[in-house]
């Protein structure tokens, strides 16, 4: 698996309330997307970014990070072969990503994802 980006997924109670702090105080003023339950904000100057998450639309747990890869199917096969716990199966989601959630040996849940072009 080749990782192309890692994004922190920060659990928040309310996107709008959290948005004010992270866009104002941290300067993450570019909203890349907002699905109502997850939104990504980026600094136009540095490219630093994070995702604010209130819940997940289809998975049973929130991930700590989202890991973008160029081959999510191969990553899924590798995770299964290694015997890692799959928290959310490989799925093509209605909002246009293909992803799965895997639990690291330390208990951290990762969202391994490929965005369709």
PDB file of N, CA and C in Angstrom:
ATOM      1  N   UNK A   1       0.851  -1.179   0.000  1.00  0.00           N
ATOM      2  CA  UNK A   1       0.000   0.000   0.000  1.00  0.00           C
ATOM      3  C   UNK A   1       0.893   1.236   0.000  1.00  0.00           C
ATOM      4  N   UNK A   2       0.545   2.203  -0.818  1.00  0.00           N
ATOM      5  CA  UNK A   2       1.247   3.486  -0.851  1.00  0.00           C
ATOM      6  C   UNK A   2       0.326   4.546  -0.276  1.00  0.00           C
ATOM      7  N   UNK A   3       0.738   5.143   0.833  1.00  0.00           N
ATOM      8  CA  UNK A   3      -0.038   6.189   1.490  1.00  0.00           C
ATOM      9  C   UNK A   3       0.254   7.515   0.801  1.00  0.00           C
ATOM     10  N   UNK A   4      -0.798   8.231   0.418  1.00  0.00           N
ATOM     11  CA  UNK A   4      -0.616   9.518  -0.251  1.00  0.00           C
ATOM     12  C   UNK A   4      -0.973  10.708   0.635  1.00  0.00           C
ATOM     13  N   UNK A   5      -1.720  10.457   1.735  1.00  0.00           N
ATOM     14  CA  UNK A   5      -2.079  11.546   2.646  1.00  0.00           C
ATOM     15  C   UNK A   5      -2.663  10.948   3.917  1.00  0.00           C
ATOM     16  N   UNK A   6      -2.400  11.598   5.043  1.00  0.00           N
ATOM     17  CA  UNK A   6      -3.010  11.223   6.312  1.00  0.00           C
ATOM     18  C   UNK A   6      -3.652  12.470   6.901  1.00  0.00           C
ATOM     19  N   UNK A   7      -4.909  12.350   7.306  1.00  0.00           N
ATOM     20  CA  UNK A   7      -5.670  13.480   7.829  1.00  0.00           C
ATOM     21  C   UNK A   7      -6.221  13.113   9.197  1.00  0.00           C
ATOM     22  N   UNK A   8      -6.027  13.984  10.172  1.00  0.00           N
ATOM     23  CA  UNK A   8      -6.608  13.767  11.501  1.00  0.00           C
ATOM     24  C   UNK A   8      -8.125  13.903  11.416  1.00  0.00           C
ATOM     25  N   UNK A   9      -8.838  12.977  12.059  1.00  0.00           N
ATOM     26  CA  UNK A   9     -10.298  13.018  12.170  1.00  0.00           C
ATOM     27  C   UNK A   9     -10.624  13.389  13.608  1.00  0.00           C
ATOM     28  N   UNK A  10     -11.060  14.614  13.823  1.00  0.00           N
ATOM     29  CA  UNK A  10     -11.301  15.122  15.165  1.00  0.00           C
ATOM     30  C   UNK A  10     -12.783  15.003  15.517  1.00  0.00           C
ATOM     31  N   UNK A  11     -13.124  14.206  16.535  1.00  0.00           N
ATOM     32  CA  UNK A  11     -14.535  14.094  16.918  1.00  0.00           C
ATOM     33  C   UNK A  11     -15.015  15.382  17.582  1.00  0.00           C
ATOM     34  N   UNK A  12     -16.152  15.883  17.113  1.00  0.00           N
ATOM     35  CA  UNK A  12     -16.752  17.100  17.673  1.00  0.00           C
ATOM     36  C   UNK A  12     -18.247  16.869  17.859  1.00  0.00           C
ATOM     37  N   UNK A  13     -18.842  17.598  18.786  1.00  0.00           N
ATOM     38  CA  UNK A  13     -20.285  17.471  19.036  1.00  0.00           C
ATOM     39  C   UNK A  13     -21.103  18.212  17.988  1.00  0.00           C
ATOM     40  N   UNK A  14     -20.592  19.349  17.524  1.00  0.00           N
ATOM     41  CA  UNK A  14     -21.342  20.195  16.591  1.00  0.00           C
ATOM     42  C   UNK A  14     -20.374  20.797  15.575  1.00  0.00           C
ATOM     43  N   UNK A  15     -20.611  20.534  14.285  1.00  0.00           N
ATOM     44  CA  UNK A  15     -19.707  21.025  13.247  1.00  0.00           C
ATOM     45  C   UNK A  15     -19.626  22.544  13.208  1.00  0.00           C
ATOM     46  N   UNK A  16     -20.752  23.212  13.272  1.00  0.00           N
ATOM     47  CA  UNK A  16     -20.752  24.674  13.155  1.00  0.00           C
ATOM     48  C   UNK A  16     -19.992  25.342  14.290  1.00  0.00           C
ATOM     49  N   UNK A  17     -20.190  24.860  15.502  1.00  0.00           N
ATOM     50  CA  UNK A  17     -19.469  25.425  16.643  1.00  0.00           C
ATOM     51  C   UNK A  17     -17.970  25.191  16.492  1.00  0.00           C
ATOM     52  N   UNK A  18     -17.593  23.971  16.142  1.00  0.00           N
ATOM     53  CA  UNK A  18     -16.180  23.641  15.974  1.00  0.00           C
ATOM     54  C   UNK A  18     -15.565  24.395  14.801  1.00  0.00           C
ATOM     55  N   UNK A  19     -16.324  24.552  13.742  1.00  0.00           N
ATOM     56  CA  UNK A  19     -15.837  25.240  12.550  1.00  0.00           C
ATOM     57  C   UNK A  19     -15.342  26.642  12.886  1.00  0.00           C
ATOM     58  N   UNK A  20     -16.073  27.364  13.703  1.00  0.00           N
ATOM     59  CA  UNK A  20     -15.688  28.718  14.069  1.00  0.00           C
ATOM     60  C   UNK A  20     -14.310  28.768  14.706  1.00  0.00           C
ATOM     61  N   UNK A  21     -14.027  27.850  15.596  1.00  0.00           N
ATOM     62  CA  UNK A  21     -12.723  27.817  16.272  1.00  0.00           C
ATOM     63  C   UNK A  21     -11.609  27.455  15.297  1.00  0.00           C
ATOM     64  N   UNK A  22     -11.777  26.359  14.567  1.00  0.00           N
ATOM     65  CA  UNK A  22     -10.700  25.867  13.717  1.00  0.00           C
ATOM     66  C   UNK A  22     -10.451  26.730  12.486  1.00  0.00           C
ATOM     67  N   UNK A  23     -11.486  27.360  11.955  1.00  0.00           N
ATOM     68  CA  UNK A  23     -11.262  28.252  10.818  1.00  0.00           C
ATOM     69  C   UNK A  23     -10.757  29.616  11.274  1.00  0.00           C
ATOM     70  N   UNK A  24     -11.269  30.096  12.406  1.00  0.00           N
ATOM     71  CA  UNK A  24     -10.855  31.401  12.901  1.00  0.00           C
ATOM     72  C   UNK A  24      -9.506  31.376  13.590  1.00  0.00           C
ATOM     73  N   UNK A  25      -9.397  30.622  14.655  1.00  0.00           N
ATOM     74  CA  UNK A  25      -8.177  30.598  15.456  1.00  0.00           C
ATOM     75  C   UNK A  25      -7.000  29.958  14.719  1.00  0.00           C
ATOM     76  N   UNK A  26      -7.231  28.799  14.069  1.00  0.00           N
ATOM     77  CA  UNK A  26      -6.139  28.103  13.389  1.00  0.00           C
ATOM     78  C   UNK A  26      -5.951  28.534  11.939  1.00  0.00           C
ATOM     79  N   UNK A  27      -6.894  29.276  11.388  1.00  0.00           N
ATOM     80  CA  UNK A  27      -6.758  29.746  10.014  1.00  0.00           C
ATOM     81  C   UNK A  27      -7.026  28.698   8.955  1.00  0.00           C
ATOM     82  N   UNK A  28      -7.739  27.631   9.316  1.00  0.00           N
ATOM     83  CA  UNK A  28      -8.086  26.589   8.336  1.00  0.00           C
ATOM     84  C   UNK A  28      -9.357  27.029   7.608  1.00  0.00           C
ATOM     85  N   UNK A  29      -9.228  28.074   6.815  1.00  0.00           N
ATOM     86  CA  UNK A  29     -10.402  28.773   6.293  1.00  0.00           C
ATOM     87  C   UNK A  29     -10.975  28.210   4.998  1.00  0.00           C
ATOM     88  N   UNK A  30     -10.273  27.304   4.339  1.00  0.00           N
ATOM     89  CA  UNK A  30     -10.808  26.705   3.117  1.00  0.00           C
ATOM     90  C   UNK A  30     -11.615  25.463   3.477  1.00  0.00           C
ATOM     91  N   UNK A  31     -12.905  25.490   3.177  1.00  0.00           N
ATOM     92  CA  UNK A  31     -13.749  24.320   3.414  1.00  0.00           C
ATOM     93  C   UNK A  31     -13.694  23.452   2.168  1.00  0.00           C
ATOM     94  N   UNK A  32     -13.050  22.302   2.277  1.00  0.00           N
ATOM     95  CA  UNK A  32     -12.936  21.396   1.130  1.00  0.00           C
ATOM     96  C   UNK A  32     -14.253  20.678   0.858  1.00  0.00           C
ATOM     97  N   UNK A  33     -14.946  20.289   1.931  1.00  0.00           N
ATOM     98  CA  UNK A  33     -16.276  19.696   1.795  1.00  0.00           C
ATOM     99  C   UNK A  33     -16.956  19.703   3.151  1.00  0.00           C
ATOM    100  N   UNK A  34     -18.272  19.585   3.123  1.00  0.00           N
ATOM    101  CA  UNK A  34     -19.083  19.474   4.339  1.00  0.00           C
ATOM    102  C   UNK A  34     -20.268  18.593   4.005  1.00  0.00           C
ATOM    103  N   UNK A  35     -20.287  17.383   4.569  1.00  0.00           N
ATOM    104  CA  UNK A  35     -21.383  16.441   4.327  1.00  0.00           C
ATOM    105  C   UNK A  35     -22.431  16.472   5.436  1.00  0.00           C
ATOM    106  N   UNK A  36     -22.308  17.431   6.356  1.00  0.00           N
ATOM    107  CA  UNK A  36     -23.260  17.531   7.459  1.00  0.00           C
ATOM    108  C   UNK A  36     -22.826  16.762   8.691  1.00  0.00           C
ATOM    109  N   UNK A  37     -22.069  15.713   8.524  1.00  0.00           N
ATOM    110  CA  UNK A  37     -21.547  14.905   9.635  1.00  0.00           C
ATOM    111  C   UNK A  37     -20.026  14.876   9.659  1.00  0.00           C
ATOM    112  N   UNK A  38     -19.415  15.264   8.546  1.00  0.00           N
ATOM    113  CA  UNK A  38     -17.961  15.372   8.437  1.00  0.00           C
ATOM    114  C   UNK A  38     -17.641  16.548   7.514  1.00  0.00           C
ATOM    115  N   UNK A  39     -16.615  17.298   7.880  1.00  0.00           N
ATOM    116  CA  UNK A  39     -16.182  18.424   7.049  1.00  0.00           C
ATOM    117  C   UNK A  39     -14.665  18.534   7.140  1.00  0.00           C
ATOM    118  N   UNK A  40     -14.040  18.942   6.038  1.00  0.00           N
ATOM    119  CA  UNK A  40     -12.580  19.119   6.026  1.00  0.00           C
ATOM    120  C   UNK A  40     -12.260  20.583   5.803  1.00  0.00           C
ATOM    121  N   UNK A  41     -11.311  21.086   6.628  1.00  0.00           N
ATOM    122  CA  UNK A  41     -10.862  22.470   6.551  1.00  0.00           C
ATOM    123  C   UNK A  41      -9.352  22.501   6.373  1.00  0.00           C
ATOM    124  N   UNK A  42      -8.899  23.438   5.529  1.00  0.00           N
ATOM    125  CA  UNK A  42      -7.497  23.516   5.151  1.00  0.00           C
ATOM    126  C   UNK A  42      -7.018  24.957   5.213  1.00  0.00           C
ATOM    127  N   UNK A  43      -5.760  25.113   5.561  1.00  0.00           N
ATOM    128  CA  UNK A  43      -5.134  26.433   5.518  1.00  0.00           C
ATOM    129  C   UNK A  43      -4.761  26.757   4.078  1.00  0.00           C
ATOM    130  N   UNK A  44      -5.222  27.884   3.531  1.00  0.00           N
ATOM    131  CA  UNK A  44      -4.847  28.239   2.165  1.00  0.00           C
ATOM    132  C   UNK A  44      -3.357  28.593   2.052  1.00  0.00           C
ATOM    133  N   UNK A  45      -2.736  28.926   3.162  1.00  0.00           N
ATOM    134  CA  UNK A  45      -1.327  29.316   3.139  1.00  0.00           C
ATOM    135  C   UNK A  45      -0.371  28.131   3.243  1.00  0.00           C
ATOM    136  N   UNK A  46      -0.703  27.143   4.082  1.00  0.00           N
ATOM    137  CA  UNK A  46       0.237  26.058   4.352  1.00  0.00           C
ATOM    138  C   UNK A  46      -0.218  24.690   3.857  1.00  0.00           C
ATOM    139  N   UNK A  47      -1.517  24.536   3.625  1.00  0.00           N
ATOM    140  CA  UNK A  47      -2.044  23.227   3.244  1.00  0.00           C
ATOM    141  C   UNK A  47      -2.344  22.334   4.431  1.00  0.00           C
ATOM    142  N   UNK A  48      -2.064  22.806   5.662  1.00  0.00           N
ATOM    143  CA  UNK A  48      -2.406  22.028   6.863  1.00  0.00           C
ATOM    144  C   UNK A  48      -3.922  21.822   6.877  1.00  0.00           C
ATOM    145  N   UNK A  49      -4.363  20.655   7.319  1.00  0.00           N
ATOM    146  CA  UNK A  49      -5.800  20.371   7.281  1.00  0.00           C
ATOM    147  C   UNK A  49      -6.204  19.396   8.377  1.00  0.00           C
ATOM    148  N   UNK A  50      -7.506  19.371   8.631  1.00  0.00           N
ATOM    149  CA  UNK A  50      -8.097  18.375   9.514  1.00  0.00           C
ATOM    150  C   UNK A  50      -9.548  18.198   9.150  1.00  0.00           C
ATOM    151  N   UNK A  51     -10.089  17.066   9.595  1.00  0.00           N
ATOM    152  CA  UNK A  51     -11.504  16.783   9.386  1.00  0.00           C
ATOM    153  C   UNK A  51     -12.200  16.809  10.730  1.00  0.00           C
ATOM    154  N   UNK A  52     -13.357  17.443  10.762  1.00  0.00           N
ATOM    155  CA  UNK A  52     -14.213  17.458  11.939  1.00  0.00           C
ATOM    156  C   UNK A  52     -15.318  16.447  11.696  1.00  0.00           C
ATOM    157  N   UNK A  53     -15.552  15.569  12.677  1.00  0.00           N
ATOM    158  CA  UNK A  53     -16.496  14.469  12.492  1.00  0.00           C
ATOM    159  C   UNK A  53     -17.434  14.391  13.692  1.00  0.00           C
ATOM    160  N   UNK A  54     -18.751  14.384  13.428  1.00  0.00           N
ATOM    161  CA  UNK A  54     -19.727  14.231  14.507  1.00  0.00           C
ATOM    162  C   UNK A  54     -20.155  12.774  14.671  1.00  0.00           C
ATOM    163  N   UNK A  55     -20.132  12.029  13.578  1.00  0.00           N
ATOM    164  CA  UNK A  55     -20.520  10.621  13.546  1.00  0.00           C
ATOM    165  C   UNK A  55     -20.038  10.087  12.211  1.00  0.00           C
ATOM    166  N   UNK A  56     -20.252   8.837  11.936  1.00  0.00           N
ATOM    167  CA  UNK A  56     -19.961   8.317  10.607  1.00  0.00           C
ATOM    168  C   UNK A  56     -21.268   7.875   9.984  1.00  0.00           C
ATOM    169  N   UNK A  57     -21.448   8.163   8.725  1.00  0.00           N
ATOM    170  CA  UNK A  57     -22.714   7.863   8.047  1.00  0.00           C
ATOM    171  C   UNK A  57     -22.971   6.377   7.883  1.00  0.00           C
ATOM    172  N   UNK A  58     -21.923   5.541   7.848  1.00  0.00           N
ATOM    173  CA  UNK A  58     -22.167   4.117   7.608  1.00  0.00           C
ATOM    174  C   UNK A  58     -21.329   3.174   8.464  1.00  0.00           C
ATOM    175  N   UNK A  59     -20.342   3.675   9.172  1.00  0.00           N
ATOM    176  CA  UNK A  59     -19.474   2.802   9.976  1.00  0.00           C
ATOM    177  C   UNK A  59     -19.853   2.874  11.449  1.00  0.00           C
ATOM    178  N   UNK A  60     -19.566   1.811  12.206  1.00  0.00           N
ATOM    179  CA  UNK A  60     -19.982   1.757  13.605  1.00  0.00           C
ATOM    180  C   UNK A  60     -19.125   2.574  14.569  1.00  0.00           C
ATOM    181  N   UNK A  61     -17.933   2.996  14.140  1.00  0.00           N
ATOM    182  CA  UNK A  61     -17.020   3.749  15.005  1.00  0.00           C
ATOM    183  C   UNK A  61     -16.423   4.912  14.239  1.00  0.00           C
ATOM    184  N   UNK A  62     -15.935   5.900  14.985  1.00  0.00           N
ATOM    185  CA  UNK A  62     -15.208   7.008  14.363  1.00  0.00           C
ATOM    186  C   UNK A  62     -13.738   6.637  14.241  1.00  0.00           C
ATOM    187  N   UNK A  63     -13.123   6.951  13.114  1.00  0.00           N
ATOM    188  CA  UNK A  63     -11.689   6.727  12.989  1.00  0.00           C
ATOM    189  C   UNK A  63     -10.903   7.865  13.635  1.00  0.00           C
ATOM    190  N   UNK A  64      -9.658   7.592  13.988  1.00  0.00           N
ATOM    191  CA  UNK A  64      -8.772   8.636  14.508  1.00  0.00           C
ATOM    192  C   UNK A  64      -8.125   9.404  13.366  1.00  0.00           C
ATOM    193  N   UNK A  65      -7.847   8.702  12.269  1.00  0.00           N
ATOM    194  CA  UNK A  65      -7.246   9.317  11.091  1.00  0.00           C
ATOM    195  C   UNK A  65      -7.842   8.695   9.835  1.00  0.00           C
ATOM    196  N   UNK A  66      -7.772   9.468   8.758  1.00  0.00           N
ATOM    197  CA  UNK A  66      -8.108   8.952   7.435  1.00  0.00           C
ATOM    198  C   UNK A  66      -6.818   8.853   6.644  1.00  0.00           C
ATOM    199  N   UNK A  67      -6.577   7.679   6.088  1.00  0.00           N
ATOM    200  CA  UNK A  67      -5.358   7.400   5.343  1.00  0.00           C
ATOM    201  C   UNK A  67      -5.745   7.211   3.882  1.00  0.00           C
ATOM    202  N   UNK A  68      -5.320   8.125   3.029  1.00  0.00           N
ATOM    203  CA  UNK A  68      -5.609   8.018   1.602  1.00  0.00           C
ATOM    204  C   UNK A  68      -4.528   7.158   0.957  1.00  0.00           C
ATOM    205  N   UNK A  69      -4.967   6.224   0.130  1.00  0.00           N
ATOM    206  CA  UNK A  69      -4.051   5.318  -0.554  1.00  0.00           C
ATOM    207  C   UNK A  69      -4.396   5.256  -2.032  1.00  0.00           C
ATOM    208  N   UNK A  70      -3.429   4.864  -2.829  1.00  0.00           N
ATOM    209  CA  UNK A  70      -3.670   4.756  -4.268  1.00  0.00           C
ATOM    210  C   UNK A  70      -4.332   3.430  -4.649  1.00  0.00           C
ATOM    211  N   UNK A  71      -4.351   2.448  -3.741  1.00  0.00           N
ATOM    212  CA  UNK A  71      -4.961   1.146  -4.041  1.00  0.00           C
ATOM    213  C   UNK A  71      -5.635   0.586  -2.783  1.00  0.00           C
ATOM    214  N   UNK A  72      -6.866   0.991  -2.556  1.00  0.00           N
ATOM    215  CA  UNK A  72      -7.579   0.591  -1.345  1.00  0.00           C
ATOM    216  C   UNK A  72      -7.910  -0.903  -1.350  1.00  0.00           C
ATOM    217  N   UNK A  73      -8.124  -1.470  -2.518  1.00  0.00           N
ATOM    218  CA  UNK A  73      -8.415  -2.908  -2.589  1.00  0.00           C
ATOM    219  C   UNK A  73      -7.209  -3.730  -2.136  1.00  0.00           C
ATOM    220  N   UNK A  74      -6.025  -3.342  -2.567  1.00  0.00           N
ATOM    221  CA  UNK A  74      -4.808  -4.037  -2.145  1.00  0.00           C
ATOM    222  C   UNK A  74      -4.567  -3.841  -0.652  1.00  0.00           C
ATOM    223  N   UNK A  75      -4.837  -2.639  -0.153  1.00  0.00           N
ATOM    224  CA  UNK A  75      -4.674  -2.366   1.278  1.00  0.00           C
ATOM    225  C   UNK A  75      -5.614  -3.236   2.097  1.00  0.00           C
ATOM    226  N   UNK A  76      -6.844  -3.403   1.617  1.00  0.00           N
ATOM    227  CA  UNK A  76      -7.831  -4.237   2.308  1.00  0.00           C
ATOM    228  C   UNK A  76      -7.358  -5.688   2.357  1.00  0.00           C
ATOM    229  N   UNK A  77      -6.877  -6.182   1.224  1.00  0.00           N
ATOM    230  CA  UNK A  77      -6.373  -7.563   1.171  1.00  0.00           C
ATOM    231  C   UNK A  77      -5.184  -7.730   2.112  1.00  0.00           C
ATOM    232  N   UNK A  78      -4.304  -6.742   2.149  1.00  0.00           N
ATOM    233  CA  UNK A  78      -3.140  -6.795   3.033  1.00  0.00           C
ATOM    234  C   UNK A  78      -3.556  -6.808   4.502  1.00  0.00           C
ATOM    235  N   UNK A  79      -4.538  -5.990   4.868  1.00  0.00           N
ATOM    236  CA  UNK A  79      -5.023  -5.942   6.251  1.00  0.00           C
ATOM    237  C   UNK A  79      -5.654  -7.280   6.649  1.00  0.00           C
ATOM    238  N   UNK A  80      -6.428  -7.861   5.748  1.00  0.00           N
ATOM    239  CA  UNK A  80      -7.044  -9.157   6.026  1.00  0.00           C
ATOM    240  C   UNK A  80      -5.989 -10.247   6.180  1.00  0.00           C
ATOM    241  N   UNK A  81      -5.019 -10.252   5.271  1.00  0.00           N
ATOM    242  CA  UNK A  81      -3.966 -11.258   5.312  1.00  0.00           C
ATOM    243  C   UNK A  81      -3.158 -11.173   6.610  1.00  0.00           C
ATOM    244  N   UNK A  82      -2.969  -9.956   7.105  1.00  0.00           N
ATOM    245  CA  UNK A  82      -2.219  -9.757   8.343  1.00  0.00           C
ATOM    246  C   UNK A  82      -3.047 -10.093   9.580  1.00  0.00           C
ATOM    247  N   UNK A  83      -4.352 -10.305   9.398  1.00  0.00           N
ATOM    248  CA  UNK A  83      -5.223 -10.664  10.508  1.00  0.00           C
ATOM    249  C   UNK A  83      -5.711  -9.486  11.334  1.00  0.00           C
ATOM    250  N   UNK A  84      -5.612  -8.273  10.786  1.00  0.00           N
ATOM    251  CA  UNK A  84      -6.101  -7.100  11.514  1.00  0.00           C
ATOM    252  C   UNK A  84      -7.622  -7.084  11.535  1.00  0.00           C
ATOM    253  N   UNK A  85      -8.182  -6.521  12.601  1.00  0.00           N
ATOM    254  CA  UNK A  85      -9.637  -6.432  12.722  1.00  0.00           C
ATOM    255  C   UNK A  85     -10.182  -5.405  11.735  1.00  0.00           C
ATOM    256  N   UNK A  86     -11.109  -5.836  10.915  1.00  0.00           N
ATOM    257  CA  UNK A  86     -11.800  -4.942   9.993  1.00  0.00           C
ATOM    258  C   UNK A  86     -13.037  -4.431  10.724  1.00  0.00           C
ATOM    259  N   UNK A  87     -13.085  -3.137  10.965  1.00  0.00           N
ATOM    260  CA  UNK A  87     -14.174  -2.519  11.719  1.00  0.00           C
ATOM    261  C   UNK A  87     -15.347  -2.187  10.797  1.00  0.00           C
ATOM    262  N   UNK A  88     -15.040  -1.822   9.563  1.00  0.00           N
ATOM    263  CA  UNK A  88     -16.044  -1.496   8.539  1.00  0.00           C
ATOM    264  C   UNK A  88     -15.529  -2.089   7.236  1.00  0.00           C
ATOM    265  N   UNK A  89     -16.312  -2.942   6.564  1.00  0.00           N
ATOM    266  CA  UNK A  89     -15.812  -3.642   5.377  1.00  0.00           C
ATOM    267  C   UNK A  89     -15.553  -2.701   4.203  1.00  0.00           C
ATOM    268  N   UNK A  90     -14.784  -3.175   3.252  1.00  0.00           N
ATOM    269  CA  UNK A  90     -14.509  -2.425   2.033  1.00  0.00           C
ATOM    270  C   UNK A  90     -15.827  -2.081   1.353  1.00  0.00           C
ATOM    271  N   UNK A  91     -16.060  -0.793   1.186  1.00  0.00           N
ATOM    272  CA  UNK A  91     -17.356  -0.308   0.698  1.00  0.00           C
ATOM    273  C   UNK A  91     -17.147   0.880  -0.230  1.00  0.00           C
ATOM    274  N   UNK A  92     -17.913   0.916  -1.317  1.00  0.00           N
ATOM    275  CA  UNK A  92     -17.992   2.127  -2.133  1.00  0.00           C
ATOM    276  C   UNK A  92     -19.163   2.924  -1.585  1.00  0.00           C
ATOM    277  N   UNK A  93     -18.850   4.066  -0.992  1.00  0.00           N
ATOM    278  CA  UNK A  93     -19.854   4.870  -0.303  1.00  0.00           C
ATOM    279  C   UNK A  93     -20.618   5.767  -1.277  1.00  0.00           C
ATOM    280  N   UNK A  94     -21.868   6.115  -0.936  1.00  0.00           N
ATOM    281  CA  UNK A  94     -22.682   6.959  -1.813  1.00  0.00           C
ATOM    282  C   UNK A  94     -22.060   8.326  -2.104  1.00  0.00           C
ATOM    283  N   UNK A  95     -21.168   8.820  -1.228  1.00  0.00           N
ATOM    284  CA  UNK A  95     -20.565  10.131  -1.445  1.00  0.00           C
ATOM    285  C   UNK A  95     -19.282  10.050  -2.271  1.00  0.00           C
ATOM    286  N   UNK A  96     -18.993   8.886  -2.855  1.00  0.00           N
ATOM    287  CA  UNK A  96     -17.958   8.797  -3.875  1.00  0.00           C
ATOM    288  C   UNK A  96     -16.588   8.326  -3.456  1.00  0.00           C
ATOM    289  N   UNK A  97     -16.450   7.728  -2.281  1.00  0.00           N
ATOM    290  CA  UNK A  97     -15.157   7.173  -1.890  1.00  0.00           C
ATOM    291  C   UNK A  97     -15.288   5.668  -1.725  1.00  0.00           C
ATOM    292  N   UNK A  98     -14.164   4.982  -1.834  1.00  0.00           N
ATOM    293  CA  UNK A  98     -14.106   3.542  -1.544  1.00  0.00           C
ATOM    294  C   UNK A  98     -13.203   3.433  -0.330  1.00  0.00           C
ATOM    295  N   UNK A  99     -13.680   2.745   0.729  1.00  0.00           N
ATOM    296  CA  UNK A  99     -12.942   2.749   1.981  1.00  0.00           C
ATOM    297  C   UNK A  99     -13.251   1.530   2.834  1.00  0.00           C
ATOM    298  N   UNK A 100     -12.404   1.352   3.851  1.00  0.00           N
ATOM    299  CA  UNK A 100     -12.670   0.394   4.920  1.00  0.00           C
ATOM    300  C   UNK A 100     -12.031   0.943   6.179  1.00  0.00           C
ATOM    301  N   UNK A 101     -12.465   0.443   7.331  1.00  0.00           N
ATOM    302  CA  UNK A 101     -11.876   0.815   8.612  1.00  0.00           C
ATOM    303  C   UNK A 101     -11.155  -0.405   9.162  1.00  0.00           C
ATOM    304  N   UNK A 102      -9.950  -0.173   9.670  1.00  0.00           N
ATOM    305  CA  UNK A 102      -9.153  -1.238  10.268  1.00  0.00           C
ATOM    306  C   UNK A 102      -8.680  -0.772  11.640  1.00  0.00           C
ATOM    307  N   UNK A 103      -8.629  -1.730  12.586  1.00  0.00           N
ATOM    308  CA  UNK A 103      -8.142  -1.405  13.915  1.00  0.00           C
ATOM    309  C   UNK A 103      -6.670  -1.799  14.016  1.00  0.00           C
ATOM    310  N   UNK A 104      -5.817  -0.834  14.367  1.00  0.00           N
ATOM    311  CA  UNK A 104      -4.394  -1.096  14.593  1.00  0.00           C
ATOM    312  C   UNK A 104      -4.243  -1.912  15.877  1.00  0.00           C
ATOM    313  N   UNK A 105      -3.132  -2.595  16.045  1.00  0.00           N
ATOM    314  CA  UNK A 105      -2.929  -3.385  17.264  1.00  0.00           C
ATOM    315  C   UNK A 105      -3.063  -2.581  18.557  1.00  0.00           C
ATOM    316  N   UNK A 106      -2.832  -1.267  18.513  1.00  0.00           N
ATOM    317  CA  UNK A 106      -2.975  -0.431  19.712  1.00  0.00           C
ATOM    318  C   UNK A 106      -4.412   0.001  19.968  1.00  0.00           C
ATOM    319  N   UNK A 107      -5.332  -0.385  19.069  1.00  0.00           N
ATOM    320  CA  UNK A 107      -6.742  -0.055  19.227  1.00  0.00           C
ATOM    321  C   UNK A 107      -7.218   1.113  18.392  1.00  0.00           C
ATOM    322  N   UNK A 108      -6.310   1.849  17.784  1.00  0.00           N
ATOM    323  CA  UNK A 108      -6.675   2.998  16.958  1.00  0.00           C
ATOM    324  C   UNK A 108      -7.393   2.539  15.694  1.00  0.00           C
ATOM    325  N   UNK A 109      -8.499   3.207  15.362  1.00  0.00           N
ATOM    326  CA  UNK A 109      -9.249   2.885  14.148  1.00  0.00           C
ATOM    327  C   UNK A 109      -8.830   3.843  13.044  1.00  0.00           C
ATOM    328  N   UNK A 110      -8.469   3.262  11.891  1.00  0.00           N
ATOM    329  CA  UNK A 110      -8.067   4.036  10.715  1.00  0.00           C
ATOM    330  C   UNK A 110      -9.086   3.857   9.610  1.00  0.00           C
ATOM    331  N   UNK A 111      -9.413   4.950   8.953  1.00  0.00           N
ATOM    332  CA  UNK A 111     -10.243   4.962   7.756  1.00  0.00           C
ATOM    333  C   UNK A 111      -9.283   4.932   6.572  1.00  0.00           C
ATOM    334  N   UNK A 112      -9.196   3.812   5.881  1.00  0.00           N
ATOM    335  CA  UNK A 112      -8.318   3.687   4.725  1.00  0.00           C
ATOM    336  C   UNK A 112      -9.184   3.922   3.496  1.00  0.00           C
ATOM    337  N   UNK A 113      -8.831   4.927   2.701  1.00  0.00           N
ATOM    338  CA  UNK A 113      -9.765   5.448   1.702  1.00  0.00           C
ATOM    339  C   UNK A 113      -9.083   5.758   0.381  1.00  0.00           C
ATOM    340  N   UNK A 114      -9.845   5.629  -0.687  1.00  0.00           N
ATOM    341  CA  UNK A 114      -9.419   6.070  -2.025  1.00  0.00           C
ATOM    342  C   UNK A 114     -10.539   6.957  -2.573  1.00  0.00           C
ATOM    343  N   UNK A 115     -10.175   8.155  -2.968  1.00  0.00           N
ATOM    344  CA  UNK A 115     -11.133   9.081  -3.571  1.00  0.00           C
ATOM    345  C   UNK A 115     -11.132   8.872  -5.085  1.00  0.00           C
ATOM    346  N   UNK A 116     -12.319   8.663  -5.643  1.00  0.00           N
ATOM    347  CA  UNK A 116     -12.422   8.518  -7.104  1.00  0.00           C
ATOM    348  C   UNK A 116     -12.211   9.871  -7.748  1.00  0.00           C
ATOM    349  N   UNK A 117     -11.520   9.871  -8.859  1.00  0.00           N
ATOM    350  CA  UNK A 117     -11.240  11.139  -9.553  1.00  0.00           C
ATOM    351  C   UNK A 117     -12.422  11.612 -10.352  1.00  0.00           C
TER     352      UNK A 117
END
